[in-house]
């Protein structure tokens, strides 16, 4: 970097890239708990299965992201589906196979799989 103009050009380029990653109001977020308890319970293969399935199906309106502790360690691996304008759905004790079902039923067809949710587990 030799000048102020170069610095400004780098700044503008990076701001453009950050803008690309911003979530829209129509994007569904699938959040996977990846704290120590989640990883120990098998969250990493769940995350990979979700990411691969979303990408394979071309679900451009779905973002699969990681978070730390969700606070319900006994129910790990946990994923939360946050769709704009709808209540959050929390799936518990998720396996890679269940994750694929969640993609097909919930993310593609819009049907919550009640038997995998926390409300069904607690009741």
N, C-alpha and C. Protein backbone atom coordinates (compact mmCIF):
# COMPACT_ATOMS: atom_id res chain seq x y z
N UNK A 1 0.85 -1.16 0.00
CA UNK A 1 0.00 0.00 0.00
C UNK A 1 0.91 1.23 0.00
N UNK A 2 0.74 2.02 -1.06
CA UNK A 2 1.64 3.16 -1.20
C UNK A 2 0.92 4.50 -1.12
N UNK A 3 -0.41 4.47 -1.17
CA UNK A 3 -1.11 5.75 -1.16
C UNK A 3 -2.46 5.62 -0.47
N UNK A 4 -3.03 6.77 -0.18
CA UNK A 4 -4.35 6.83 0.42
C UNK A 4 -5.40 6.29 -0.55
N UNK A 5 -5.20 6.50 -1.83
CA UNK A 5 -6.14 6.00 -2.84
C UNK A 5 -6.18 4.47 -2.84
N UNK A 6 -5.02 3.83 -2.70
CA UNK A 6 -4.99 2.37 -2.62
C UNK A 6 -5.76 1.87 -1.40
N UNK A 7 -5.57 2.54 -0.28
CA UNK A 7 -6.26 2.18 0.94
C UNK A 7 -7.77 2.31 0.76
N UNK A 8 -8.22 3.40 0.13
CA UNK A 8 -9.64 3.60 -0.12
C UNK A 8 -10.20 2.53 -1.05
N UNK A 9 -9.42 2.15 -2.06
CA UNK A 9 -9.86 1.11 -2.99
C UNK A 9 -10.01 -0.22 -2.28
N UNK A 10 -9.10 -0.56 -1.40
CA UNK A 10 -9.18 -1.80 -0.62
C UNK A 10 -10.40 -1.76 0.29
N UNK A 11 -10.63 -0.63 0.92
CA UNK A 11 -11.78 -0.48 1.80
C UNK A 11 -13.09 -0.68 1.04
N UNK A 12 -13.22 -0.06 -0.12
CA UNK A 12 -14.44 -0.19 -0.92
C UNK A 12 -14.66 -1.63 -1.37
N UNK A 13 -13.58 -2.29 -1.76
CA UNK A 13 -13.67 -3.69 -2.19
C UNK A 13 -14.16 -4.57 -1.05
N UNK A 14 -13.59 -4.39 0.14
CA UNK A 14 -13.98 -5.20 1.28
C UNK A 14 -15.41 -4.90 1.72
N UNK A 15 -15.85 -3.66 1.67
CA UNK A 15 -17.22 -3.33 2.03
C UNK A 15 -18.19 -3.99 1.07
N UNK A 16 -17.82 -4.07 -0.20
CA UNK A 16 -18.66 -4.76 -1.18
C UNK A 16 -18.79 -6.24 -0.86
N UNK A 17 -17.71 -6.86 -0.44
CA UNK A 17 -17.75 -8.28 -0.10
C UNK A 17 -18.57 -8.52 1.15
N UNK A 18 -18.47 -7.63 2.13
CA UNK A 18 -19.26 -7.76 3.35
C UNK A 18 -20.73 -7.62 3.01
N UNK A 19 -21.07 -6.72 2.12
CA UNK A 19 -22.45 -6.52 1.70
C UNK A 19 -23.05 -7.76 1.07
N UNK A 20 -22.25 -8.54 0.38
CA UNK A 20 -22.71 -9.77 -0.24
C UNK A 20 -23.17 -10.76 0.82
N UNK A 21 -22.49 -10.78 1.96
CA UNK A 21 -22.80 -11.76 2.99
C UNK A 21 -23.95 -11.36 3.89
N UNK A 22 -24.48 -10.16 3.78
CA UNK A 22 -25.57 -9.73 4.65
C UNK A 22 -26.80 -10.59 4.41
N UNK A 23 -27.49 -10.87 5.51
CA UNK A 23 -28.71 -11.66 5.40
C UNK A 23 -29.85 -10.77 4.94
N UNK A 24 -30.74 -11.35 4.17
CA UNK A 24 -31.91 -10.60 3.75
C UNK A 24 -33.08 -10.94 4.66
N UNK A 25 -34.15 -10.19 4.51
CA UNK A 25 -35.34 -10.43 5.32
C UNK A 25 -36.05 -11.71 4.94
N UNK A 26 -35.68 -12.31 3.82
CA UNK A 26 -36.36 -13.52 3.36
C UNK A 26 -35.51 -14.77 3.58
N UNK A 27 -34.37 -14.62 4.19
CA UNK A 27 -33.47 -15.76 4.37
C UNK A 27 -33.79 -16.56 5.62
N UNK A 28 -33.83 -17.87 5.46
CA UNK A 28 -34.01 -18.79 6.59
C UNK A 28 -32.63 -19.11 7.16
N UNK A 29 -32.52 -19.07 8.48
CA UNK A 29 -31.26 -19.42 9.13
C UNK A 29 -31.42 -20.75 9.86
N UNK A 30 -30.48 -21.63 9.64
CA UNK A 30 -30.43 -22.90 10.35
C UNK A 30 -29.19 -22.83 11.23
N UNK A 31 -29.41 -22.78 12.53
CA UNK A 31 -28.32 -22.56 13.49
C UNK A 31 -28.00 -23.88 14.19
N UNK A 32 -26.74 -24.27 14.13
CA UNK A 32 -26.28 -25.52 14.74
C UNK A 32 -25.44 -25.19 15.98
N UNK A 33 -25.81 -25.75 17.12
CA UNK A 33 -25.05 -25.55 18.35
C UNK A 33 -23.73 -26.30 18.28
N UNK A 34 -22.63 -25.54 18.30
CA UNK A 34 -21.31 -26.14 18.16
C UNK A 34 -20.40 -25.85 19.36
N UNK A 35 -21.00 -25.79 20.55
CA UNK A 35 -20.18 -25.68 21.76
C UNK A 35 -19.60 -27.06 22.06
N UNK A 36 -18.81 -27.16 23.09
CA UNK A 36 -18.17 -28.43 23.43
C UNK A 36 -19.18 -29.55 23.59
N UNK A 37 -20.31 -29.27 24.26
CA UNK A 37 -21.31 -30.31 24.49
C UNK A 37 -21.93 -30.76 23.16
N UNK A 38 -22.18 -29.84 22.26
CA UNK A 38 -22.74 -30.19 20.96
C UNK A 38 -21.77 -31.03 20.14
N UNK A 39 -20.53 -30.61 20.10
CA UNK A 39 -19.51 -31.34 19.34
C UNK A 39 -19.34 -32.74 19.90
N UNK A 40 -19.30 -32.86 21.24
CA UNK A 40 -19.15 -34.17 21.88
C UNK A 40 -20.34 -35.08 21.59
N UNK A 41 -21.51 -34.48 21.34
CA UNK A 41 -22.71 -35.26 21.06
C UNK A 41 -22.90 -35.58 19.59
N UNK A 42 -22.03 -35.03 18.74
CA UNK A 42 -22.12 -35.34 17.31
C UNK A 42 -22.60 -34.22 16.42
N UNK A 43 -22.46 -32.97 16.85
CA UNK A 43 -22.95 -31.84 16.06
C UNK A 43 -22.16 -31.61 14.78
N UNK A 44 -20.89 -31.97 14.75
CA UNK A 44 -20.09 -31.72 13.55
C UNK A 44 -20.63 -32.48 12.34
N UNK A 45 -20.91 -33.79 12.43
CA UNK A 45 -21.49 -34.48 11.27
C UNK A 45 -22.89 -33.95 10.90
N UNK A 46 -23.63 -33.46 11.88
CA UNK A 46 -24.94 -32.86 11.62
C UNK A 46 -24.76 -31.58 10.80
N UNK A 47 -23.81 -30.75 11.21
CA UNK A 47 -23.52 -29.51 10.48
C UNK A 47 -23.11 -29.81 9.04
N UNK A 48 -22.25 -30.78 8.86
CA UNK A 48 -21.80 -31.15 7.52
C UNK A 48 -22.97 -31.67 6.68
N UNK A 49 -23.79 -32.52 7.25
CA UNK A 49 -24.95 -33.06 6.52
C UNK A 49 -25.90 -31.95 6.11
N UNK A 50 -26.18 -31.02 7.02
CA UNK A 50 -27.06 -29.90 6.71
C UNK A 50 -26.47 -29.04 5.60
N UNK A 51 -25.23 -28.65 5.75
CA UNK A 51 -24.58 -27.79 4.77
C UNK A 51 -24.57 -28.44 3.39
N UNK A 52 -24.19 -29.70 3.34
CA UNK A 52 -24.13 -30.42 2.06
C UNK A 52 -25.50 -30.52 1.41
N UNK A 53 -26.52 -30.85 2.21
CA UNK A 53 -27.87 -31.02 1.67
C UNK A 53 -28.44 -29.70 1.16
N UNK A 54 -28.24 -28.63 1.91
CA UNK A 54 -28.73 -27.31 1.49
C UNK A 54 -28.05 -26.89 0.19
N UNK A 55 -26.76 -27.13 0.11
CA UNK A 55 -26.02 -26.78 -1.10
C UNK A 55 -26.44 -27.66 -2.28
N UNK A 56 -26.58 -28.95 -2.05
CA UNK A 56 -26.96 -29.89 -3.11
C UNK A 56 -28.34 -29.57 -3.68
N UNK A 57 -29.25 -29.14 -2.80
CA UNK A 57 -30.62 -28.83 -3.23
C UNK A 57 -30.75 -27.40 -3.77
N UNK A 58 -29.67 -26.64 -3.71
CA UNK A 58 -29.68 -25.28 -4.24
C UNK A 58 -30.58 -24.33 -3.48
N UNK A 59 -30.65 -24.50 -2.16
CA UNK A 59 -31.51 -23.66 -1.33
C UNK A 59 -30.78 -22.35 -1.02
N UNK A 60 -30.78 -21.44 -1.96
CA UNK A 60 -30.03 -20.19 -1.83
C UNK A 60 -30.60 -19.26 -0.76
N UNK A 61 -31.84 -19.49 -0.34
CA UNK A 61 -32.45 -18.66 0.69
C UNK A 61 -32.22 -19.22 2.10
N UNK A 62 -31.37 -20.24 2.22
CA UNK A 62 -31.11 -20.87 3.52
C UNK A 62 -29.63 -20.72 3.86
N UNK A 63 -29.36 -20.22 5.07
CA UNK A 63 -27.99 -20.10 5.56
C UNK A 63 -27.81 -21.04 6.74
N UNK A 64 -26.85 -21.94 6.65
CA UNK A 64 -26.51 -22.84 7.75
C UNK A 64 -25.34 -22.21 8.48
N UNK A 65 -25.55 -21.91 9.77
CA UNK A 65 -24.51 -21.24 10.55
C UNK A 65 -24.29 -21.95 11.87
N UNK A 66 -23.15 -21.66 12.48
CA UNK A 66 -22.80 -22.25 13.76
C UNK A 66 -22.99 -21.22 14.87
N UNK A 67 -23.25 -21.71 16.06
CA UNK A 67 -23.26 -20.86 17.24
C UNK A 67 -22.60 -21.63 18.37
N UNK A 68 -22.42 -20.97 19.47
CA UNK A 68 -21.86 -21.63 20.65
C UNK A 68 -22.94 -22.37 21.40
N UNK A 69 -22.90 -22.27 22.71
CA UNK A 69 -23.83 -23.00 23.56
C UNK A 69 -25.24 -22.45 23.44
N UNK A 70 -26.19 -23.34 23.20
CA UNK A 70 -27.59 -22.96 23.15
C UNK A 70 -28.20 -23.06 24.55
N UNK A 71 -27.57 -23.82 25.44
CA UNK A 71 -27.99 -23.87 26.83
C UNK A 71 -28.84 -25.07 27.21
N UNK A 72 -28.97 -26.02 26.31
CA UNK A 72 -29.77 -27.22 26.59
C UNK A 72 -28.92 -28.46 26.32
N UNK A 73 -27.85 -28.58 27.05
CA UNK A 73 -26.84 -29.61 26.78
C UNK A 73 -27.40 -31.02 26.69
N UNK A 74 -28.38 -31.34 27.50
CA UNK A 74 -28.93 -32.70 27.52
C UNK A 74 -29.67 -33.04 26.23
N UNK A 75 -29.95 -32.04 25.38
CA UNK A 75 -30.69 -32.27 24.13
C UNK A 75 -29.79 -32.17 22.89
N UNK A 76 -28.50 -32.02 23.07
CA UNK A 76 -27.58 -31.90 21.93
C UNK A 76 -27.53 -33.18 21.11
N UNK A 77 -27.21 -33.08 19.87
CA UNK A 77 -27.05 -31.91 19.01
C UNK A 77 -28.38 -31.21 18.75
N UNK A 78 -28.32 -29.88 18.77
CA UNK A 78 -29.50 -29.04 18.59
C UNK A 78 -29.35 -28.20 17.34
N UNK A 79 -30.44 -28.07 16.58
CA UNK A 79 -30.47 -27.09 15.50
C UNK A 79 -31.75 -26.26 15.65
N UNK A 80 -31.62 -24.99 15.35
CA UNK A 80 -32.75 -24.08 15.37
C UNK A 80 -33.00 -23.59 13.95
N UNK A 81 -34.26 -23.61 13.55
CA UNK A 81 -34.63 -23.10 12.23
C UNK A 81 -35.39 -21.80 12.46
N UNK A 82 -34.83 -20.72 11.92
CA UNK A 82 -35.43 -19.39 12.08
C UNK A 82 -35.86 -18.90 10.70
N UNK A 83 -37.17 -18.92 10.48
CA UNK A 83 -37.73 -18.45 9.22
C UNK A 83 -38.38 -17.09 9.45
N UNK A 84 -38.17 -16.16 8.55
CA UNK A 84 -38.76 -14.83 8.71
C UNK A 84 -40.29 -14.91 8.88
N UNK A 85 -40.79 -14.24 9.90
CA UNK A 85 -42.22 -14.19 10.12
C UNK A 85 -42.82 -15.41 10.79
N UNK A 86 -41.98 -16.36 11.20
CA UNK A 86 -42.48 -17.57 11.85
C UNK A 86 -41.77 -17.77 13.18
N UNK A 87 -42.37 -18.59 14.04
CA UNK A 87 -41.73 -18.92 15.31
C UNK A 87 -40.52 -19.81 15.08
N UNK A 88 -39.53 -19.66 15.96
CA UNK A 88 -38.34 -20.50 15.90
C UNK A 88 -38.72 -21.95 16.17
N UNK A 89 -38.12 -22.87 15.43
CA UNK A 89 -38.33 -24.30 15.65
C UNK A 89 -37.00 -24.87 16.13
N UNK A 90 -37.03 -25.55 17.27
CA UNK A 90 -35.82 -26.14 17.84
C UNK A 90 -35.90 -27.66 17.74
N UNK A 91 -34.97 -28.22 16.96
CA UNK A 91 -34.87 -29.67 16.82
C UNK A 91 -33.78 -30.17 17.76
N UNK A 92 -34.04 -31.30 18.44
CA UNK A 92 -33.11 -31.81 19.44
C UNK A 92 -32.70 -33.25 19.10
N UNK A 93 -31.55 -33.62 19.69
CA UNK A 93 -30.98 -34.96 19.50
C UNK A 93 -30.94 -35.32 18.01
N UNK A 94 -30.42 -34.36 17.24
CA UNK A 94 -30.39 -34.49 15.79
C UNK A 94 -29.20 -35.36 15.37
N UNK A 95 -29.46 -36.26 14.45
CA UNK A 95 -28.42 -37.08 13.83
C UNK A 95 -28.27 -36.58 12.39
N UNK A 96 -27.22 -37.00 11.69
CA UNK A 96 -27.11 -36.62 10.28
C UNK A 96 -28.31 -37.08 9.46
N UNK A 97 -28.86 -38.23 9.78
CA UNK A 97 -30.03 -38.74 9.05
C UNK A 97 -31.26 -37.86 9.32
N UNK A 98 -31.46 -37.49 10.58
CA UNK A 98 -32.56 -36.59 10.92
C UNK A 98 -32.36 -35.23 10.25
N UNK A 99 -31.12 -34.78 10.18
CA UNK A 99 -30.83 -33.50 9.54
C UNK A 99 -31.28 -33.51 8.08
N UNK A 100 -31.05 -34.61 7.39
CA UNK A 100 -31.47 -34.72 5.99
C UNK A 100 -32.99 -34.69 5.88
N UNK A 101 -33.68 -35.33 6.82
CA UNK A 101 -35.14 -35.29 6.84
C UNK A 101 -35.64 -33.86 7.10
N UNK A 102 -34.95 -33.16 7.99
CA UNK A 102 -35.34 -31.78 8.29
C UNK A 102 -35.19 -30.90 7.05
N UNK A 103 -34.13 -31.11 6.31
CA UNK A 103 -33.95 -30.34 5.06
C UNK A 103 -35.11 -30.64 4.11
N UNK A 104 -35.39 -31.93 3.89
CA UNK A 104 -36.45 -32.30 2.95
C UNK A 104 -37.84 -31.86 3.40
N UNK A 105 -38.18 -32.13 4.64
CA UNK A 105 -39.54 -31.86 5.12
C UNK A 105 -39.74 -30.39 5.49
N UNK A 106 -38.83 -29.85 6.29
CA UNK A 106 -39.03 -28.50 6.81
C UNK A 106 -38.57 -27.43 5.82
N UNK A 107 -37.32 -27.52 5.38
CA UNK A 107 -36.78 -26.45 4.55
C UNK A 107 -37.33 -26.46 3.13
N UNK A 108 -37.58 -27.64 2.58
CA UNK A 108 -38.09 -27.72 1.21
C UNK A 108 -39.61 -27.66 1.18
N UNK A 109 -40.27 -28.48 2.02
CA UNK A 109 -41.73 -28.60 1.97
C UNK A 109 -42.47 -27.71 2.97
N UNK A 110 -41.75 -27.14 3.93
CA UNK A 110 -42.39 -26.26 4.91
C UNK A 110 -43.13 -26.98 6.01
N UNK A 111 -42.83 -28.26 6.22
CA UNK A 111 -43.53 -29.05 7.24
C UNK A 111 -42.59 -29.35 8.41
N UNK A 112 -42.94 -28.82 9.58
CA UNK A 112 -42.14 -29.08 10.78
C UNK A 112 -42.29 -30.55 11.16
N UNK A 113 -41.19 -31.18 11.53
CA UNK A 113 -41.22 -32.58 11.99
C UNK A 113 -41.37 -32.54 13.51
N UNK A 114 -42.59 -32.56 13.97
CA UNK A 114 -42.91 -32.39 15.38
C UNK A 114 -42.21 -33.36 16.31
N UNK A 115 -42.05 -34.60 15.88
CA UNK A 115 -41.44 -35.60 16.77
C UNK A 115 -39.98 -35.32 17.08
N UNK A 116 -39.32 -34.47 16.29
CA UNK A 116 -37.90 -34.14 16.54
C UNK A 116 -37.74 -32.82 17.30
N UNK A 117 -38.82 -32.13 17.60
CA UNK A 117 -38.70 -30.83 18.23
C UNK A 117 -38.61 -30.93 19.75
N UNK A 118 -38.13 -29.85 20.34
CA UNK A 118 -37.99 -29.82 21.79
C UNK A 118 -39.33 -29.86 22.49
N UNK A 119 -40.36 -29.28 21.91
CA UNK A 119 -41.68 -29.29 22.55
C UNK A 119 -42.22 -30.71 22.66
N UNK A 120 -41.91 -31.54 21.71
CA UNK A 120 -42.35 -32.94 21.76
C UNK A 120 -41.51 -33.74 22.76
N UNK A 121 -40.25 -33.38 22.91
CA UNK A 121 -39.35 -34.09 23.82
C UNK A 121 -39.68 -33.80 25.28
N UNK A 122 -40.04 -32.56 25.58
CA UNK A 122 -40.30 -32.16 26.96
C UNK A 122 -41.66 -32.65 27.42
N UNK A 123 -42.65 -32.64 26.53
CA UNK A 123 -44.02 -33.03 26.92
C UNK A 123 -44.19 -34.51 27.03
